[in-house]
Amino acid sequence: MDIFNVKGLLVAFLIFVPLERLLALRRDQKILRRHFFTDVTYALLNGVLIRGGLTFMMAGAMATLGRLVPVRLEAAVAGQPVWLQVIEIIVIADLGFYGAHRAFHTVPFLWRFHAVHHSIEELDWLAAHRVHPFDQALTKAASLIPFLLLGYSGVAVGVFALVYQAHAFLLHSNVRLDFGPLKWVLASPQFHHWHHANERAAYDKNFAGQLSLLDAMFGTLHLPGRDVPARYGIDEPVSGNYFAHLMHPFMLGKKAEADAVGTGA
């Protein structure tokens, strides 16, 4: 745990808790809802594990693929106006995010890790933190490495990081916020709430992190009017303890093997 995580958590709390009271989607949902402190643990401890895995993957990518990027291209990319760089980064990063996110839903081994995030049954801003570190590190690598290899400026990357984090909190927030026609381009809370819905029609839909347009392009968009899901979560049990969550993907594998032996499969 580091002081940056604590400060960031406090700032997010001061912004999003009042916002959720003002624009509440589910007015009966408590601030200290079920598993609130488990997700606080994620916010405080997960960063170290994620940064470790991400640093390892990024160092490998820079040492190998980085050599293939021409210096002139890097200079041209970094020389663009910051606002244009940020837009380009959002597109590049979300393409990587979409691909990784979809893989975590369709590859059984990867789903074991992603199931931890989908175990959330009451969505709010803090729920954005509940992600298995293996899941988060791999997904972030798919998002970050492509645009970092291209040499975007530090300022543009910093602006993107702030926008991405704030947007992630908003997507999970317990808010009713209408994006109007923009919802077909930008991911909205309604868009992401449907991704977390425990309803058959919404399974494996709305994979984008920031651009719902990608789901429209790839045929995975689910936005039924102004409706919102009746419930969230998954049917498989996931323990409410942070450390049990870390082991959940491996225990699930052992359970599946035991079941297969028991049934003669």
C-alpha atoms as a PDB file:
ATOM      1  CA  MET A   1       0.000   0.000   0.000  1.00  0.00           C
ATOM      2  CA  ASP A   2       1.299   3.496  -0.817  1.00  0.00           C
ATOM      3  CA  ILE A   3       0.215   7.016   0.054  1.00  0.00           C
ATOM      4  CA  PHE A   4      -0.771   7.711  -3.576  1.00  0.00           C
ATOM      5  CA  ASN A   5      -3.407   4.978  -3.427  1.00  0.00           C
ATOM      6  CA  VAL A   6      -4.802   6.354  -0.168  1.00  0.00           C
ATOM      7  CA  LYS A   7      -5.007   9.920  -1.514  1.00  0.00           C
ATOM      8  CA  GLY A   8      -6.566   8.768  -4.766  1.00  0.00           C
ATOM      9  CA  LEU A   9      -9.170   6.735  -2.909  1.00  0.00           C
ATOM     10  CA  LEU A  10     -10.101   9.699  -0.706  1.00  0.00           C
ATOM     11  CA  VAL A  11     -10.413  12.051  -3.688  1.00  0.00           C
ATOM     12  CA  ALA A  12     -12.607   9.548  -5.546  1.00  0.00           C
ATOM     13  CA  PHE A  13     -14.746   9.082  -2.429  1.00  0.00           C
ATOM     14  CA  LEU A  14     -15.300  12.839  -2.090  1.00  0.00           C
ATOM     15  CA  ILE A  15     -16.312  13.143  -5.759  1.00  0.00           C
ATOM     16  CA  PHE A  16     -18.332  10.027  -6.473  1.00  0.00           C
ATOM     17  CA  VAL A  17     -20.225   9.455  -3.221  1.00  0.00           C
ATOM     18  CA  PRO A  18     -22.029  12.834  -3.482  1.00  0.00           C
ATOM     19  CA  LEU A  19     -22.570  12.210  -7.207  1.00  0.00           C
ATOM     20  CA  GLU A  20     -24.196   8.859  -6.455  1.00  0.00           C
ATOM     21  CA  ARG A  21     -26.459  10.496  -3.866  1.00  0.00           C
ATOM     22  CA  LEU A  22     -27.453  13.234  -6.309  1.00  0.00           C
ATOM     23  CA  LEU A  23     -28.030  11.044  -9.377  1.00  0.00           C
ATOM     24  CA  ALA A  24     -28.732   7.693  -7.733  1.00  0.00           C
ATOM     25  CA  LEU A  25     -29.864   4.865  -9.991  1.00  0.00           C
ATOM     26  CA  ARG A  26     -30.776   2.647  -7.024  1.00  0.00           C
ATOM     27  CA  ARG A  27     -31.694   4.978  -4.159  1.00  0.00           C
ATOM     28  CA  ASP A  28     -31.974   2.186  -1.600  1.00  0.00           C
ATOM     29  CA  GLN A  29     -28.363   1.059  -2.126  1.00  0.00           C
ATOM     30  CA  LYS A  30     -26.186   1.926   0.860  1.00  0.00           C
ATOM     31  CA  ILE A  31     -22.822   3.691   0.640  1.00  0.00           C
ATOM     32  CA  LEU A  32     -21.324   0.965   2.831  1.00  0.00           C
ATOM     33  CA  ARG A  33     -22.923  -1.754   0.748  1.00  0.00           C
ATOM     34  CA  ARG A  34     -22.063  -5.461   0.965  1.00  0.00           C
ATOM     35  CA  HIS A  35     -18.353  -6.178   0.370  1.00  0.00           C
ATOM     36  CA  PHE A  36     -17.535  -2.436   0.471  1.00  0.00           C
ATOM     37  CA  PHE A  37     -14.443  -3.005   2.606  1.00  0.00           C
ATOM     38  CA  THR A  38     -13.297  -5.909   0.445  1.00  0.00           C
ATOM     39  CA  ASP A  39     -13.204  -3.490  -2.473  1.00  0.00           C
ATOM     40  CA  VAL A  40     -11.380  -0.910  -0.331  1.00  0.00           C
ATOM     41  CA  THR A  41      -8.733  -3.606   0.198  1.00  0.00           C
ATOM     42  CA  TYR A  42      -8.497  -3.989  -3.584  1.00  0.00           C
ATOM     43  CA  ALA A  43      -8.001  -0.241  -3.953  1.00  0.00           C
ATOM     44  CA  LEU A  44      -5.202  -0.181  -1.380  1.00  0.00           C
ATOM     45  CA  LEU A  45      -3.326  -3.412  -2.127  1.00  0.00           C
ATOM     46  CA  ASN A  46      -3.908  -4.353  -5.746  1.00  0.00           C
ATOM     47  CA  GLY A  47      -1.717  -1.611  -7.208  1.00  0.00           C
ATOM     48  CA  VAL A  48       1.587  -3.170  -6.133  1.00  0.00           C
ATOM     49  CA  LEU A  49       0.796  -6.523  -7.764  1.00  0.00           C
ATOM     50  CA  ILE A  50      -0.542  -4.911 -10.940  1.00  0.00           C
ATOM     51  CA  ARG A  51       2.441  -2.584 -11.330  1.00  0.00           C
ATOM     52  CA  GLY A  52       4.827  -5.512 -10.865  1.00  0.00           C
ATOM     53  CA  GLY A  53       3.227  -7.601 -13.613  1.00  0.00           C
ATOM     54  CA  LEU A  54       2.728  -4.650 -15.903  1.00  0.00           C
ATOM     55  CA  THR A  55       6.315  -3.444 -15.538  1.00  0.00           C
ATOM     56  CA  PHE A  56       7.606  -6.901 -16.434  1.00  0.00           C
ATOM     57  CA  MET A  57       5.468  -7.138 -19.588  1.00  0.00           C
ATOM     58  CA  MET A  58       6.164  -3.581 -20.681  1.00  0.00           C
ATOM     59  CA  ALA A  59       9.924  -3.983 -20.215  1.00  0.00           C
ATOM     60  CA  GLY A  60       9.836  -7.082 -22.419  1.00  0.00           C
ATOM     61  CA  ALA A  61       7.775  -5.316 -25.090  1.00  0.00           C
ATOM     62  CA  MET A  62      10.020  -2.258 -25.125  1.00  0.00           C
ATOM     63  CA  ALA A  63      13.168  -4.384 -25.364  1.00  0.00           C
ATOM     64  CA  THR A  64      11.847  -6.389 -28.321  1.00  0.00           C
ATOM     65  CA  LEU A  65       9.065  -4.631 -30.235  1.00  0.00           C
ATOM     66  CA  GLY A  66      10.378  -1.189 -29.326  1.00  0.00           C
ATOM     67  CA  ARG A  67      13.308  -1.670 -31.666  1.00  0.00           C
ATOM     68  CA  LEU A  68      10.943  -2.017 -34.618  1.00  0.00           C
ATOM     69  CA  VAL A  69       9.446   1.468 -34.245  1.00  0.00           C
ATOM     70  CA  PRO A  70      11.296   4.083 -36.338  1.00  0.00           C
ATOM     71  CA  VAL A  71      12.640   7.070 -34.410  1.00  0.00           C
ATOM     72  CA  ARG A  72      11.065   9.422 -36.978  1.00  0.00           C
ATOM     73  CA  LEU A  73       7.645   7.929 -36.303  1.00  0.00           C
ATOM     74  CA  GLU A  74       8.052   8.430 -32.556  1.00  0.00           C
ATOM     75  CA  ALA A  75       9.069  12.070 -33.120  1.00  0.00           C
ATOM     76  CA  ALA A  76       6.117  12.689 -35.437  1.00  0.00           C
ATOM     77  CA  VAL A  77       3.652  11.146 -32.980  1.00  0.00           C
ATOM     78  CA  ALA A  78       4.978  13.116 -30.001  1.00  0.00           C
ATOM     79  CA  GLY A  79       5.009  16.326 -32.044  1.00  0.00           C
ATOM     80  CA  GLN A  80       1.228  16.363 -32.554  1.00  0.00           C
ATOM     81  CA  PRO A  81      -1.037  18.626 -30.471  1.00  0.00           C
ATOM     82  CA  VAL A  82      -1.712  17.077 -27.069  1.00  0.00           C
ATOM     83  CA  TRP A  83      -5.497  17.004 -27.607  1.00  0.00           C
ATOM     84  CA  LEU A  84      -5.044  14.988 -30.806  1.00  0.00           C
ATOM     85  CA  GLN A  85      -2.611  12.617 -29.116  1.00  0.00           C
ATOM     86  CA  VAL A  86      -5.123  11.978 -26.326  1.00  0.00           C
ATOM     87  CA  ILE A  87      -7.878  11.128 -28.832  1.00  0.00           C
ATOM     88  CA  GLU A  88      -5.552   8.769 -30.687  1.00  0.00           C
ATOM     89  CA  ILE A  89      -4.459   7.125 -27.439  1.00  0.00           C
ATOM     90  CA  ILE A  90      -8.082   6.546 -26.412  1.00  0.00           C
ATOM     91  CA  VAL A  91      -8.809   4.788 -29.722  1.00  0.00           C
ATOM     92  CA  ILE A  92      -5.628   2.674 -29.671  1.00  0.00           C
ATOM     93  CA  ALA A  93      -5.944   1.792 -25.985  1.00  0.00           C
ATOM     94  CA  ASP A  94      -9.598   0.848 -26.264  1.00  0.00           C
ATOM     95  CA  LEU A  95      -8.979  -1.413 -29.230  1.00  0.00           C
ATOM     96  CA  GLY A  96      -6.444  -3.271 -27.081  1.00  0.00           C
ATOM     97  CA  PHE A  97      -8.806  -3.250 -24.102  1.00  0.00           C
ATOM     98  CA  TYR A  98     -11.707  -4.559 -26.194  1.00  0.00           C
ATOM     99  CA  GLY A  99      -9.638  -7.473 -27.515  1.00  0.00           C
ATOM    100  CA  ALA A 100      -8.253  -8.436 -24.115  1.00  0.00           C
ATOM    101  CA  HIS A 101     -11.607  -8.017 -22.378  1.00  0.00           C
ATOM    102  CA  ARG A 102     -13.385 -10.164 -24.926  1.00  0.00           C
ATOM    103  CA  ALA A 103     -10.702 -12.844 -24.543  1.00  0.00           C
ATOM    104  CA  PHE A 104     -11.237 -12.880 -20.774  1.00  0.00           C
ATOM    105  CA  HIS A 105     -14.892 -13.691 -21.442  1.00  0.00           C
ATOM    106  CA  THR A 106     -14.401 -16.327 -24.119  1.00  0.00           C
ATOM    107  CA  VAL A 107     -11.285 -18.255 -22.982  1.00  0.00           C
ATOM    108  CA  PRO A 108     -12.263 -20.492 -20.015  1.00  0.00           C
ATOM    109  CA  PHE A 109      -8.879 -20.198 -18.277  1.00  0.00           C
ATOM    110  CA  LEU A 110      -8.973 -16.396 -18.459  1.00  0.00           C
ATOM    111  CA  TRP A 111     -12.618 -16.261 -17.341  1.00  0.00           C
ATOM    112  CA  ARG A 112     -11.591 -17.822 -14.014  1.00  0.00           C
ATOM    113  CA  PHE A 113      -9.768 -14.564 -13.250  1.00  0.00           C
ATOM    114  CA  HIS A 114     -12.334 -12.216 -14.772  1.00  0.00           C
ATOM    115  CA  ALA A 115     -15.153 -13.876 -12.836  1.00  0.00           C
ATOM    116  CA  VAL A 116     -13.835 -12.083  -9.746  1.00  0.00           C
ATOM    117  CA  HIS A 117     -14.764  -8.726 -11.268  1.00  0.00           C
ATOM    118  CA  HIS A 118     -18.175  -9.994 -12.352  1.00  0.00           C
ATOM    119  CA  SER A 119     -18.937 -11.291  -8.870  1.00  0.00           C
ATOM    120  CA  ILE A 120     -19.988  -7.720  -7.969  1.00  0.00           C
ATOM    121  CA  GLU A 121     -23.701  -7.660  -7.147  1.00  0.00           C
ATOM    122  CA  GLU A 122     -24.045  -3.979  -6.178  1.00  0.00           C
ATOM    123  CA  LEU A 123     -22.364  -1.572  -8.567  1.00  0.00           C
ATOM    124  CA  ASP A 124     -20.832   1.679  -7.418  1.00  0.00           C
ATOM    125  CA  TRP A 125     -17.659   3.699  -8.116  1.00  0.00           C
ATOM    126  CA  LEU A 126     -15.587   1.538  -5.758  1.00  0.00           C
ATOM    127  CA  ALA A 127     -16.534  -1.639  -7.626  1.00  0.00           C
ATOM    128  CA  ALA A 128     -14.170  -0.566 -10.415  1.00  0.00           C
ATOM    129  CA  HIS A 129     -11.293  -1.651  -8.167  1.00  0.00           C
ATOM    130  CA  ARG A 130     -12.428  -5.270  -7.813  1.00  0.00           C
ATOM    131  CA  VAL A 131     -10.289  -6.862 -10.519  1.00  0.00           C
ATOM    132  CA  HIS A 132      -7.928  -9.809 -10.093  1.00  0.00           C
ATOM    133  CA  PRO A 133      -4.351  -8.448 -10.494  1.00  0.00           C
ATOM    134  CA  PHE A 134      -3.552 -10.992 -13.242  1.00  0.00           C
ATOM    135  CA  ASP A 135      -6.629  -9.836 -15.154  1.00  0.00           C
ATOM    136  CA  GLN A 136      -5.816  -6.157 -14.666  1.00  0.00           C
ATOM    137  CA  ALA A 137      -2.121  -6.454 -15.536  1.00  0.00           C
ATOM    138  CA  LEU A 138      -2.792  -8.382 -18.752  1.00  0.00           C
ATOM    139  CA  THR A 139      -5.628  -6.105 -19.850  1.00  0.00           C
ATOM    140  CA  LYS A 140      -3.638  -2.949 -19.079  1.00  0.00           C
ATOM    141  CA  ALA A 141      -0.675  -4.328 -21.020  1.00  0.00           C
ATOM    142  CA  ALA A 142      -2.899  -4.884 -24.073  1.00  0.00           C
ATOM    143  CA  SER A 143      -4.137  -1.288 -23.737  1.00  0.00           C
ATOM    144  CA  LEU A 144      -0.923   0.546 -22.864  1.00  0.00           C
ATOM    145  CA  ILE A 145       1.885  -1.175 -24.748  1.00  0.00           C
ATOM    146  CA  PRO A 146       0.695  -0.307 -28.303  1.00  0.00           C
ATOM    147  CA  PHE A 147       0.555   3.458 -27.752  1.00  0.00           C
ATOM    148  CA  LEU A 148       3.630   3.571 -25.528  1.00  0.00           C
ATOM    149  CA  LEU A 149       5.633   1.861 -28.282  1.00  0.00           C
ATOM    150  CA  LEU A 150       4.550   4.601 -30.683  1.00  0.00           C
ATOM    151  CA  GLY A 151       6.111   7.305 -28.503  1.00  0.00           C
ATOM    152  CA  TYR A 152       3.196   9.474 -27.401  1.00  0.00           C
ATOM    153  CA  SER A 153       4.251  12.330 -25.121  1.00  0.00           C
ATOM    154  CA  GLY A 154       4.252  12.043 -21.349  1.00  0.00           C
ATOM    155  CA  VAL A 155       1.727  14.860 -21.046  1.00  0.00           C
ATOM    156  CA  ALA A 156      -0.735  13.130 -23.371  1.00  0.00           C
ATOM    157  CA  VAL A 157      -0.293   9.817 -21.561  1.00  0.00           C
ATOM    158  CA  GLY A 158      -0.880  11.548 -18.221  1.00  0.00           C
ATOM    159  CA  VAL A 159      -4.075  13.217 -19.441  1.00  0.00           C
ATOM    160  CA  PHE A 160      -5.312   9.896 -20.804  1.00  0.00           C
ATOM    161  CA  ALA A 161      -4.580   8.153 -17.478  1.00  0.00           C
ATOM    162  CA  LEU A 162      -6.697  10.700 -15.576  1.00  0.00           C
ATOM    163  CA  VAL A 163      -9.556  10.508 -18.087  1.00  0.00           C
ATOM    164  CA  TYR A 164      -9.472   6.716 -18.110  1.00  0.00           C
ATOM    165  CA  GLN A 165      -9.552   6.370 -14.317  1.00  0.00           C
ATOM    166  CA  ALA A 166     -12.351   8.903 -13.841  1.00  0.00           C
ATOM    167  CA  HIS A 167     -14.361   7.246 -16.636  1.00  0.00           C
ATOM    168  CA  ALA A 168     -13.871   3.794 -15.086  1.00  0.00           C
ATOM    169  CA  PHE A 169     -15.271   5.060 -11.780  1.00  0.00           C
ATOM    170  CA  LEU A 170     -18.211   6.673 -13.567  1.00  0.00           C
ATOM    171  CA  LEU A 171     -19.049   3.525 -15.558  1.00  0.00           C
ATOM    172  CA  HIS A 172     -19.415   1.476 -12.380  1.00  0.00           C
ATOM    173  CA  SER A 173     -21.157   4.225 -10.398  1.00  0.00           C
ATOM    174  CA  ASN A 174     -24.652   3.904  -9.012  1.00  0.00           C
ATOM    175  CA  VAL A 175     -25.871   6.782 -11.173  1.00  0.00           C
ATOM    176  CA  ARG A 176     -28.596   7.384 -13.722  1.00  0.00           C
ATOM    177  CA  LEU A 177     -26.839   9.581 -16.258  1.00  0.00           C
ATOM    178  CA  ASP A 178     -28.139   9.937 -19.800  1.00  0.00           C
ATOM    179  CA  PHE A 179     -25.454  10.459 -22.448  1.00  0.00           C
ATOM    180  CA  GLY A 180     -28.111  11.072 -25.113  1.00  0.00           C
ATOM    181  CA  PRO A 181     -26.950  10.282 -28.678  1.00  0.00           C
ATOM    182  CA  LEU A 182     -23.333  10.165 -27.407  1.00  0.00           C
ATOM    183  CA  LYS A 183     -24.058   6.802 -25.778  1.00  0.00           C
ATOM    184  CA  TRP A 184     -23.643   5.196 -29.210  1.00  0.00           C
ATOM    185  CA  VAL A 185     -20.043   6.470 -29.314  1.00  0.00           C
ATOM    186  CA  LEU A 186     -18.912   6.812 -25.683  1.00  0.00           C
ATOM    187  CA  ALA A 187     -19.384   4.163 -23.004  1.00  0.00           C
ATOM    188  CA  SER A 188     -21.982   5.286 -20.450  1.00  0.00           C
ATOM    189  CA  PRO A 189     -22.910   3.923 -17.010  1.00  0.00           C
ATOM    190  CA  GLN A 190     -25.966   2.274 -18.589  1.00  0.00           C
ATOM    191  CA  PHE A 191     -23.695   0.621 -21.191  1.00  0.00           C
ATOM    192  CA  HIS A 192     -21.368  -0.839 -18.560  1.00  0.00           C
ATOM    193  CA  HIS A 193     -24.103  -1.778 -16.132  1.00  0.00           C
ATOM    194  CA  TRP A 194     -25.517  -4.006 -18.858  1.00  0.00           C
ATOM    195  CA  HIS A 195     -22.084  -5.615 -19.188  1.00  0.00           C
ATOM    196  CA  HIS A 196     -22.381  -6.619 -15.505  1.00  0.00           C
ATOM    197  CA  ALA A 197     -25.991  -7.776 -15.799  1.00  0.00           C
ATOM    198  CA  ASN A 198     -26.838 -11.300 -14.720  1.00  0.00           C
ATOM    199  CA  GLU A 199     -29.312 -11.635 -17.571  1.00  0.00           C
ATOM    200  CA  ARG A 200     -28.988 -13.964 -20.555  1.00  0.00           C
ATOM    201  CA  ALA A 201     -29.540 -11.271 -23.206  1.00  0.00           C
ATOM    202  CA  ALA A 202     -26.605  -9.256 -21.842  1.00  0.00           C
ATOM    203  CA  TYR A 203     -24.013 -12.049 -21.600  1.00  0.00           C
ATOM    204  CA  ASP A 204     -20.776 -11.296 -23.482  1.00  0.00           C
ATOM    205  CA  LYS A 205     -21.853  -7.818 -24.539  1.00  0.00           C
ATOM    206  CA  ASN A 206     -20.422  -4.281 -24.179  1.00  0.00           C
ATOM    207  CA  PHE A 207     -16.704  -5.078 -23.948  1.00  0.00           C
ATOM    208  CA  ALA A 208     -15.293  -1.607 -24.680  1.00  0.00           C
ATOM    209  CA  GLY A 209     -13.795   0.441 -21.891  1.00  0.00           C
ATOM    210  CA  GLN A 210     -14.450   3.895 -23.310  1.00  0.00           C
ATOM    211  CA  LEU A 211     -15.857   3.683 -26.837  1.00  0.00           C
ATOM    212  CA  SER A 212     -19.200   1.906 -27.171  1.00  0.00           C
ATOM    213  CA  LEU A 213     -18.751   2.470 -30.911  1.00  0.00           C
ATOM    214  CA  LEU A 214     -16.344  -0.497 -30.928  1.00  0.00           C
ATOM    215  CA  ASP A 215     -19.086  -2.833 -29.717  1.00  0.00           C
ATOM    216  CA  ALA A 216     -21.421  -1.470 -32.379  1.00  0.00           C
ATOM    217  CA  MET A 217     -18.731  -2.156 -34.995  1.00  0.00           C
ATOM    218  CA  PHE A 218     -17.995  -5.695 -33.771  1.00  0.00           C
ATOM    219  CA  GLY A 219     -21.599  -6.741 -33.110  1.00  0.00           C
ATOM    220  CA  THR A 220     -21.457  -6.952 -29.319  1.00  0.00           C
ATOM    221  CA  LEU A 221     -23.502  -3.877 -28.354  1.00  0.00           C
ATOM    222  CA  HIS A 222     -26.461  -4.262 -25.988  1.00  0.00           C
ATOM    223  CA  LEU A 223     -28.330  -1.050 -25.101  1.00  0.00           C
ATOM    224  CA  PRO A 224     -32.071  -1.728 -24.801  1.00  0.00           C
ATOM    225  CA  GLY A 225     -33.591   1.741 -24.751  1.00  0.00           C
ATOM    226  CA  ARG A 226     -33.475   3.370 -21.315  1.00  0.00           C
ATOM    227  CA  ASP A 227     -33.741   0.065 -19.446  1.00  0.00           C
ATOM    228  CA  VAL A 228     -31.236  -0.936 -16.767  1.00  0.00           C
ATOM    229  CA  PRO A 229     -30.466  -4.439 -15.459  1.00  0.00           C
ATOM    230  CA  ALA A 230     -32.599  -5.965 -12.726  1.00  0.00           C
ATOM    231  CA  ARG A 231     -29.571  -7.640 -11.146  1.00  0.00           C
ATOM    232  CA  TYR A 232     -25.798  -7.971 -11.421  1.00  0.00           C
ATOM    233  CA  GLY A 233     -23.243 -10.669 -10.717  1.00  0.00           C
ATOM    234  CA  ILE A 234     -22.720 -14.276 -11.777  1.00  0.00           C
ATOM    235  CA  ASP A 235     -24.170 -17.607 -10.711  1.00  0.00           C
ATOM    236  CA  GLU A 236     -20.889 -19.189  -9.580  1.00  0.00           C
ATOM    237  CA  PRO A 237     -19.981 -18.459  -5.934  1.00  0.00           C
ATOM    238  CA  VAL A 238     -16.999 -16.159  -5.305  1.00  0.00           C
ATOM    239  CA  SER A 239     -15.886 -15.617  -1.707  1.00  0.00           C
ATOM    240  CA  GLY A 240     -16.138 -12.066  -0.367  1.00  0.00           C
ATOM    241  CA  ASN A 241     -12.588 -12.055   1.003  1.00  0.00           C
ATOM    242  CA  TYR A 242      -9.825 -10.271  -0.985  1.00  0.00           C
ATOM    243  CA  PHE A 243      -7.222 -12.986  -0.437  1.00  0.00           C
ATOM    244  CA  ALA A 244      -9.716 -15.717  -1.282  1.00  0.00           C
ATOM    245  CA  HIS A 245     -10.443 -13.818  -4.509  1.00  0.00           C
ATOM    246  CA  LEU A 246      -6.753 -14.023  -5.433  1.00  0.00           C
ATOM    247  CA  MET A 247      -6.900 -17.806  -5.130  1.00  0.00           C
ATOM    248  CA  HIS A 248     -10.353 -18.206  -6.684  1.00  0.00           C
ATOM    249  CA  PRO A 249      -9.167 -18.936 -10.276  1.00  0.00           C
ATOM    250  CA  PHE A 250      -6.909 -21.740  -9.069  1.00  0.00           C
ATOM    251  CA  MET A 251      -9.450 -23.237  -6.685  1.00  0.00           C
ATOM    252  CA  LEU A 252     -12.034 -23.155  -9.458  1.00  0.00           C
ATOM    253  CA  GLY A 253      -9.673 -25.164 -11.651  1.00  0.00           C
ATOM    254  CA  LYS A 254      -9.163 -27.767  -8.927  1.00  0.00           C
ATOM    255  CA  LYS A 255     -12.905 -27.997  -8.343  1.00  0.00           C
ATOM    256  CA  ALA A 256     -13.551 -28.519 -12.067  1.00  0.00           C
ATOM    257  CA  GLU A 257     -10.931 -31.295 -12.184  1.00  0.00           C
ATOM    258  CA  ALA A 258     -12.431 -32.958  -9.100  1.00  0.00           C
ATOM    259  CA  ASP A 259     -15.926 -32.770 -10.613  1.00  0.00           C
ATOM    260  CA  ALA A 260     -14.671 -34.271 -13.872  1.00  0.00           C
ATOM    261  CA  VAL A 261     -13.026 -37.181 -12.005  1.00  0.00           C
ATOM    262  CA  GLY A 262     -16.130 -37.676  -9.889  1.00  0.00           C
ATOM    263  CA  THR A 263     -18.417 -37.921 -12.920  1.00  0.00           C
ATOM    264  CA  GLY A 264     -16.024 -39.956 -15.032  1.00  0.00           C
ATOM    265  CA  ALA A 265     -15.792 -37.143 -17.613  1.00  0.00           C
END
